[in-house]
Structure formats: structure tokens, C-alpha cells
Amino acid sequence: MTTTPTHGYTPHKELLLKRLARVEGQVRGISRMIEDDRYCIDILTQLGAVSTALEAVALKVLEEHVHHCGAGALASGDPDAAEEKSRELLEAVQRFAKTH
């Protein structure tokens, strides 16, 4: 019997997909705003809302990575696995921090 590997976000996949679908709708709305020559500040406000929504998704995925992948590697007792997940996590946080 083969098990399908899961990721930390797997239990929250439906929630994350719903949030991303809303973001997709927001982006389409911004495109329409630009097509309709709407006021710049209104467009910037919506762009900020999209950025905030994407950040919330990213933070949830990161949180679940720490709780699932990172904690699992530490609990395994395998120092190489723990080191790899720690390095991976730090790199992800650094990439995320650079975008802010």
C-alpha cells in the first residue's frame, strides 16, 4: 500500500483555494478598473488589498510548513532531515521578507 504524501497546508487546501479564487476575482476587477479609466487611488487601494490577501495565503502556507514539515523533521530524530528543513525554512522566510 502506497501513501500519498501530504503537505502542511493539505488540511486547509479548500480554504486556500477559495481565498486564491477571490484574489483572482479581485485582479480581474482591477483590470476592469484600468480598462474603465478609474481613479488611480481606487486602483492602488485594490492592489493593496490583493497584496494583503496573497500575504495571508503565504503566511498560512508558511505556518503549516513549520508545524508539519519542520516539526516532523525535528521529531524524526534525523539530524540531516532537521538541518535540511531548517535551512529550507530560513530560505523561505528570507525570500518572503525580501518581498516586503
N, C-alpha and C. Protein backbone atom coordinates (compact mmCIF):
# COMPACT_ATOMS: atom_id res chain seq x y z
N MET A 1 0.84 -1.18 0.00
CA MET A 1 0.00 0.00 0.00
C MET A 1 0.88 1.24 0.00
N THR A 2 0.63 2.15 -0.91
CA THR A 2 1.40 3.37 -1.02
C THR A 2 0.58 4.52 -0.43
N THR A 3 1.24 5.35 0.38
CA THR A 3 0.56 6.52 0.93
C THR A 3 0.92 7.74 0.11
N THR A 4 -0.04 8.59 -0.05
CA THR A 4 0.20 9.84 -0.77
C THR A 4 0.77 10.84 0.23
N PRO A 5 1.92 11.42 -0.09
CA PRO A 5 2.48 12.39 0.85
C PRO A 5 1.57 13.63 0.94
N THR A 6 1.48 14.16 2.12
CA THR A 6 0.71 15.39 2.31
C THR A 6 1.66 16.50 2.70
N HIS A 7 1.18 17.69 2.56
CA HIS A 7 1.94 18.88 2.95
C HIS A 7 1.19 19.53 4.11
N GLY A 8 1.85 20.41 4.79
CA GLY A 8 1.23 21.06 5.95
C GLY A 8 -0.06 21.77 5.62
N TYR A 9 -0.16 22.31 4.43
CA TYR A 9 -1.36 23.06 4.06
C TYR A 9 -2.51 22.16 3.62
N THR A 10 -2.25 20.86 3.41
CA THR A 10 -3.26 19.96 2.84
C THR A 10 -4.61 20.02 3.58
N PRO A 11 -4.64 20.03 4.91
CA PRO A 11 -5.94 20.10 5.58
C PRO A 11 -6.68 21.42 5.31
N HIS A 12 -5.97 22.43 4.86
CA HIS A 12 -6.55 23.75 4.62
C HIS A 12 -6.65 24.07 3.13
N LYS A 13 -6.46 23.06 2.29
CA LYS A 13 -6.40 23.29 0.85
C LYS A 13 -7.65 23.99 0.32
N GLU A 14 -8.82 23.54 0.72
CA GLU A 14 -10.07 24.15 0.22
C GLU A 14 -10.15 25.63 0.60
N LEU A 15 -9.81 25.95 1.83
CA LEU A 15 -9.81 27.34 2.28
C LEU A 15 -8.84 28.17 1.45
N LEU A 16 -7.64 27.65 1.25
CA LEU A 16 -6.63 28.38 0.49
C LEU A 16 -7.07 28.57 -0.96
N LEU A 17 -7.66 27.54 -1.55
CA LEU A 17 -8.14 27.67 -2.93
C LEU A 17 -9.26 28.69 -3.04
N LYS A 18 -10.15 28.74 -2.05
CA LYS A 18 -11.22 29.74 -2.06
C LYS A 18 -10.64 31.15 -1.96
N ARG A 19 -9.66 31.31 -1.08
CA ARG A 19 -9.01 32.63 -0.95
C ARG A 19 -8.34 33.03 -2.25
N LEU A 20 -7.65 32.09 -2.89
CA LEU A 20 -6.98 32.40 -4.15
C LEU A 20 -7.97 32.71 -5.26
N ALA A 21 -9.12 32.05 -5.25
CA ALA A 21 -10.15 32.35 -6.25
C ALA A 21 -10.68 33.78 -6.04
N ARG A 22 -10.81 34.19 -4.77
CA ARG A 22 -11.25 35.57 -4.50
C ARG A 22 -10.19 36.57 -4.99
N VAL A 23 -8.93 36.24 -4.76
CA VAL A 23 -7.84 37.11 -5.23
C VAL A 23 -7.88 37.21 -6.76
N GLU A 24 -8.10 36.09 -7.40
CA GLU A 24 -8.18 36.08 -8.86
C GLU A 24 -9.31 37.00 -9.33
N GLY A 25 -10.44 36.96 -8.64
CA GLY A 25 -11.55 37.85 -8.97
C GLY A 25 -11.19 39.31 -8.74
N GLN A 26 -10.46 39.57 -7.66
CA GLN A 26 -10.02 40.94 -7.39
C GLN A 26 -9.11 41.45 -8.50
N VAL A 27 -8.20 40.60 -8.97
CA VAL A 27 -7.28 41.01 -10.03
C VAL A 27 -8.06 41.30 -11.31
N ARG A 28 -9.04 40.46 -11.61
CA ARG A 28 -9.88 40.74 -12.80
C ARG A 28 -10.60 42.07 -12.63
N GLY A 29 -11.07 42.35 -11.43
CA GLY A 29 -11.73 43.63 -11.16
C GLY A 29 -10.79 44.81 -11.36
N ILE A 30 -9.55 44.66 -10.96
CA ILE A 30 -8.56 45.72 -11.15
C ILE A 30 -8.33 45.94 -12.64
N SER A 31 -8.26 44.87 -13.39
CA SER A 31 -8.10 45.00 -14.85
C SER A 31 -9.25 45.81 -15.44
N ARG A 32 -10.47 45.50 -14.99
CA ARG A 32 -11.63 46.25 -15.48
C ARG A 32 -11.55 47.72 -15.07
N MET A 33 -11.06 47.96 -13.86
CA MET A 33 -10.92 49.35 -13.39
C MET A 33 -9.98 50.12 -14.31
N ILE A 34 -8.88 49.50 -14.69
CA ILE A 34 -7.92 50.16 -15.58
C ILE A 34 -8.54 50.36 -16.95
N GLU A 35 -9.23 49.33 -17.46
CA GLU A 35 -9.91 49.47 -18.75
C GLU A 35 -10.91 50.63 -18.73
N ASP A 36 -11.58 50.81 -17.60
CA ASP A 36 -12.61 51.85 -17.46
C ASP A 36 -12.04 53.20 -17.04
N ASP A 37 -10.71 53.31 -17.00
CA ASP A 37 -10.05 54.56 -16.61
C ASP A 37 -10.51 55.07 -15.24
N ARG A 38 -10.55 54.17 -14.28
CA ARG A 38 -10.94 54.56 -12.92
C ARG A 38 -9.82 55.35 -12.25
N TYR A 39 -10.14 55.99 -11.18
CA TYR A 39 -9.23 56.86 -10.44
C TYR A 39 -8.06 56.05 -9.88
N CYS A 40 -6.86 56.61 -10.01
CA CYS A 40 -5.62 55.90 -9.62
C CYS A 40 -5.65 55.41 -8.17
N ILE A 41 -6.12 56.23 -7.27
CA ILE A 41 -6.10 55.87 -5.85
C ILE A 41 -7.01 54.67 -5.61
N ASP A 42 -8.13 54.62 -6.30
CA ASP A 42 -9.02 53.46 -6.16
C ASP A 42 -8.33 52.19 -6.63
N ILE A 43 -7.60 52.29 -7.72
CA ILE A 43 -6.86 51.13 -8.24
C ILE A 43 -5.77 50.72 -7.26
N LEU A 44 -5.03 51.70 -6.74
CA LEU A 44 -3.98 51.39 -5.77
C LEU A 44 -4.53 50.75 -4.51
N THR A 45 -5.70 51.19 -4.09
CA THR A 45 -6.35 50.60 -2.92
C THR A 45 -6.64 49.12 -3.17
N GLN A 46 -7.15 48.81 -4.35
CA GLN A 46 -7.46 47.42 -4.68
C GLN A 46 -6.18 46.58 -4.83
N LEU A 47 -5.14 47.18 -5.38
CA LEU A 47 -3.86 46.47 -5.48
C LEU A 47 -3.32 46.14 -4.09
N GLY A 48 -3.47 47.06 -3.16
CA GLY A 48 -3.05 46.81 -1.78
C GLY A 48 -3.84 45.67 -1.15
N ALA A 49 -5.14 45.62 -1.46
CA ALA A 49 -5.99 44.55 -0.92
C ALA A 49 -5.56 43.19 -1.47
N VAL A 50 -5.20 43.14 -2.75
CA VAL A 50 -4.72 41.89 -3.35
C VAL A 50 -3.42 41.46 -2.70
N SER A 51 -2.53 42.41 -2.52
CA SER A 51 -1.24 42.11 -1.89
C SER A 51 -1.44 41.56 -0.48
N THR A 52 -2.32 42.17 0.28
CA THR A 52 -2.62 41.72 1.64
C THR A 52 -3.22 40.31 1.63
N ALA A 53 -4.13 40.06 0.69
CA ALA A 53 -4.76 38.74 0.61
C ALA A 53 -3.74 37.66 0.25
N LEU A 54 -2.84 37.96 -0.69
CA LEU A 54 -1.81 36.99 -1.05
C LEU A 54 -0.85 36.75 0.11
N GLU A 55 -0.56 37.80 0.84
CA GLU A 55 0.31 37.66 2.01
C GLU A 55 -0.32 36.74 3.05
N ALA A 56 -1.63 36.85 3.24
CA ALA A 56 -2.32 35.98 4.20
C ALA A 56 -2.21 34.51 3.77
N VAL A 57 -2.35 34.25 2.48
CA VAL A 57 -2.21 32.88 1.98
C VAL A 57 -0.77 32.40 2.22
N ALA A 58 0.19 33.24 1.89
CA ALA A 58 1.59 32.86 2.06
C ALA A 58 1.91 32.56 3.52
N LEU A 59 1.41 33.38 4.42
CA LEU A 59 1.67 33.16 5.84
C LEU A 59 1.04 31.87 6.34
N LYS A 60 -0.15 31.53 5.83
CA LYS A 60 -0.80 30.28 6.23
C LYS A 60 0.02 29.08 5.74
N VAL A 61 0.49 29.13 4.49
CA VAL A 61 1.31 28.04 3.95
C VAL A 61 2.61 27.93 4.75
N LEU A 62 3.22 29.07 5.06
CA LEU A 62 4.45 29.06 5.84
C LEU A 62 4.22 28.50 7.25
N GLU A 63 3.14 28.93 7.87
CA GLU A 63 2.80 28.43 9.21
C GLU A 63 2.62 26.91 9.21
N GLU A 64 1.90 26.43 8.23
CA GLU A 64 1.66 24.99 8.16
C GLU A 64 2.93 24.22 7.81
N HIS A 65 3.83 24.84 7.06
CA HIS A 65 5.12 24.21 6.76
C HIS A 65 5.90 24.02 8.06
N VAL A 66 5.90 25.03 8.89
CA VAL A 66 6.61 24.94 10.17
C VAL A 66 6.01 23.84 11.04
N HIS A 67 4.67 23.83 11.14
CA HIS A 67 4.00 22.86 12.02
C HIS A 67 4.07 21.44 11.49
N HIS A 68 4.08 21.28 10.19
CA HIS A 68 4.05 19.93 9.62
C HIS A 68 5.44 19.45 9.22
N CYS A 69 6.03 20.12 8.27
CA CYS A 69 7.31 19.67 7.70
C CYS A 69 8.46 19.88 8.68
N GLY A 70 8.55 21.08 9.23
CA GLY A 70 9.64 21.37 10.15
C GLY A 70 9.56 20.55 11.41
N ALA A 71 8.38 20.51 12.02
CA ALA A 71 8.21 19.75 13.25
C ALA A 71 8.41 18.26 13.00
N GLY A 72 7.95 17.78 11.85
CA GLY A 72 8.13 16.36 11.52
C GLY A 72 9.59 15.99 11.39
N ALA A 73 10.35 16.87 10.74
CA ALA A 73 11.78 16.60 10.59
C ALA A 73 12.50 16.61 11.93
N LEU A 74 12.14 17.53 12.80
CA LEU A 74 12.76 17.57 14.14
C LEU A 74 12.37 16.36 14.96
N ALA A 75 11.11 15.96 14.88
CA ALA A 75 10.62 14.83 15.66
C ALA A 75 11.18 13.50 15.15
N SER A 76 11.63 13.47 13.91
CA SER A 76 12.13 12.22 13.33
C SER A 76 13.43 11.76 13.98
N GLY A 77 14.14 12.69 14.60
CA GLY A 77 15.42 12.35 15.20
C GLY A 77 16.56 12.28 14.19
N ASP A 78 16.27 12.53 12.95
CA ASP A 78 17.28 12.51 11.88
C ASP A 78 17.89 13.90 11.78
N PRO A 79 19.14 14.07 12.21
CA PRO A 79 19.75 15.40 12.20
C PRO A 79 19.88 15.98 10.79
N ASP A 80 20.10 15.13 9.78
CA ASP A 80 20.19 15.63 8.41
C ASP A 80 18.85 16.18 7.93
N ALA A 81 17.77 15.46 8.24
CA ALA A 81 16.44 15.93 7.85
C ALA A 81 16.11 17.23 8.58
N ALA A 82 16.44 17.30 9.87
CA ALA A 82 16.18 18.52 10.64
C ALA A 82 16.96 19.69 10.08
N GLU A 83 18.22 19.46 9.73
CA GLU A 83 19.05 20.52 9.15
C GLU A 83 18.49 20.97 7.81
N GLU A 84 18.09 20.03 6.98
CA GLU A 84 17.54 20.37 5.66
C GLU A 84 16.27 21.21 5.79
N LYS A 85 15.36 20.80 6.65
CA LYS A 85 14.10 21.55 6.82
C LYS A 85 14.36 22.91 7.46
N SER A 86 15.31 23.00 8.36
CA SER A 86 15.65 24.29 8.97
C SER A 86 16.21 25.25 7.92
N ARG A 87 17.11 24.75 7.09
CA ARG A 87 17.69 25.56 6.02
C ARG A 87 16.60 26.00 5.04
N GLU A 88 15.77 25.04 4.67
CA GLU A 88 14.67 25.32 3.73
C GLU A 88 13.74 26.40 4.29
N LEU A 89 13.43 26.30 5.57
CA LEU A 89 12.54 27.27 6.21
C LEU A 89 13.18 28.65 6.24
N LEU A 90 14.44 28.72 6.62
CA LEU A 90 15.12 30.02 6.65
C LEU A 90 15.17 30.66 5.26
N GLU A 91 15.44 29.87 4.24
CA GLU A 91 15.45 30.40 2.87
C GLU A 91 14.08 30.92 2.46
N ALA A 92 13.04 30.20 2.85
CA ALA A 92 11.68 30.64 2.52
C ALA A 92 11.34 31.95 3.23
N VAL A 93 11.71 32.06 4.49
CA VAL A 93 11.45 33.29 5.24
C VAL A 93 12.24 34.45 4.64
N GLN A 94 13.48 34.21 4.25
CA GLN A 94 14.29 35.26 3.62
C GLN A 94 13.66 35.73 2.31
N ARG A 95 13.19 34.80 1.48
CA ARG A 95 12.53 35.18 0.22
C ARG A 95 11.28 35.98 0.50
N PHE A 96 10.50 35.54 1.48
CA PHE A 96 9.27 36.22 1.83
C PHE A 96 9.56 37.62 2.36
N ALA A 97 10.59 37.74 3.19
CA ALA A 97 10.93 39.05 3.77
C ALA A 97 11.43 40.03 2.70
N LYS A 98 12.09 39.54 1.67
CA LYS A 98 12.59 40.41 0.61
C LYS A 98 11.46 41.07 -0.17
N THR A 99 10.31 40.44 -0.19
CA THR A 99 9.19 40.99 -0.95
C THR A 99 8.42 42.05 -0.15
N HIS A 100 8.84 42.27 1.09
CA HIS A 100 8.12 43.23 1.93
C HIS A 100 9.00 44.37 2.35
